[in-house]
Amino acid sequence: MWDEPFEVLLRKHLSLLEADDVLTAETSLRDFGLDSMGVVELLSSLERTYGVRFVDDALHIDNFATPEILWDTLRAMRTPAG
């Protein structure tokens, strides 16, 4: 599962997600309001918060489909290669 800062950032970019809605691993981020501009803003927030740079391969829209996929992508950016 993800950490609290990740969920807080996600919730800020999901305009259709109510405060009492549960954010599950399979929640469709697009269905809850994450559009292309939101993806850019979320990406910037994630990079600042976690001190990472998303590589070009990680910028595919499919990586922003659900919290679980996005968290796995972010975790891969945080893990040193090797």
Protein backbone atom coordinates (compact mmCIF):
# COMPACT_ATOMS: atom_id res chain seq x y z
CA MET A 1 0.00 0.00 0.00
CA TRP A 2 1.03 3.62 -0.38
CA ASP A 3 1.95 6.24 2.22
CA GLU A 4 -0.18 9.13 3.48
CA PRO A 5 1.51 11.93 1.45
CA PHE A 6 0.77 9.99 -1.74
CA GLU A 7 -2.93 9.70 -0.93
CA VAL A 8 -3.15 13.36 0.09
CA LEU A 9 -1.61 14.41 -3.24
CA LEU A 10 -3.93 12.14 -5.20
CA ARG A 11 -7.02 13.41 -3.43
CA LYS A 12 -6.07 17.02 -4.28
CA HIS A 13 -6.19 16.11 -7.98
CA LEU A 14 -9.38 14.04 -7.94
CA SER A 15 -12.13 16.64 -8.12
CA LEU A 16 -14.95 14.07 -8.18
CA LEU A 17 -13.75 12.12 -5.14
CA GLU A 18 -15.63 13.09 -1.99
CA ALA A 19 -13.76 13.42 1.31
CA ASP A 20 -15.47 10.33 2.71
CA ASP A 21 -14.94 8.20 -0.44
CA VAL A 22 -12.48 5.36 0.00
CA LEU A 23 -9.52 5.41 -2.34
CA THR A 24 -8.79 1.80 -3.28
CA ALA A 25 -5.95 0.31 -5.29
CA GLU A 26 -8.33 -0.14 -8.25
CA THR A 27 -10.01 3.28 -8.16
CA SER A 28 -10.06 4.73 -11.66
CA LEU A 29 -8.28 8.08 -11.36
CA ARG A 30 -9.81 9.27 -14.62
CA ASP A 31 -13.35 8.44 -13.42
CA PHE A 32 -12.77 10.65 -10.38
CA GLY A 33 -11.60 13.69 -12.32
CA LEU A 34 -7.92 13.24 -13.18
CA ASP A 35 -7.57 14.83 -16.61
CA SER A 36 -4.47 15.57 -18.69
CA MET A 37 -3.78 18.87 -16.91
CA GLY A 38 -4.26 17.13 -13.58
CA VAL A 39 -1.75 14.46 -14.58
CA VAL A 40 0.86 17.14 -15.26
CA GLU A 41 0.17 18.87 -11.94
CA LEU A 42 0.14 15.57 -10.03
CA LEU A 43 3.39 14.50 -11.68
CA SER A 44 5.05 17.76 -10.64
CA SER A 45 3.78 17.37 -7.06
CA LEU A 46 5.00 13.77 -6.87
CA GLU A 47 8.44 14.70 -8.17
CA ARG A 48 8.76 17.53 -5.63
CA THR A 49 7.42 15.54 -2.70
CA TYR A 50 9.45 12.40 -3.34
CA GLY A 51 12.57 13.97 -4.87
CA VAL A 52 12.39 11.92 -8.05
CA ARG A 53 12.25 12.48 -11.79
CA PHE A 54 9.87 10.35 -13.80
CA VAL A 55 11.76 8.92 -16.76
CA ASP A 56 10.18 9.15 -20.20
CA ASP A 57 9.03 5.51 -20.13
CA ALA A 58 7.09 6.19 -16.91
CA LEU A 59 5.14 9.10 -18.39
CA HIS A 60 2.67 6.86 -20.23
CA ILE A 61 -0.96 7.68 -19.40
CA ASP A 62 -1.57 4.05 -18.37
CA ASN A 63 0.72 4.64 -15.38
CA PHE A 64 -1.84 7.15 -14.09
CA ALA A 65 -4.84 4.79 -14.34
CA THR A 66 -5.16 3.70 -10.71
CA PRO A 67 -3.49 4.50 -7.40
CA GLU A 68 -1.83 1.09 -7.34
CA ILE A 69 -0.27 1.46 -10.78
CA LEU A 70 0.85 5.01 -10.05
CA TRP A 71 2.32 4.03 -6.66
CA ASP A 72 4.22 1.13 -8.29
CA THR A 73 5.55 3.52 -10.94
CA LEU A 74 6.59 6.04 -8.30
CA ARG A 75 8.22 3.31 -6.21
CA ALA A 76 10.22 2.22 -9.27
CA MET A 77 11.46 5.79 -9.71
CA ARG A 78 12.55 5.87 -6.06
CA THR A 79 14.42 2.54 -6.22
CA PRO A 80 18.00 2.81 -7.49
CA ALA A 81 18.75 0.62 -10.49
CA GLY A 82 21.08 -2.21 -9.85
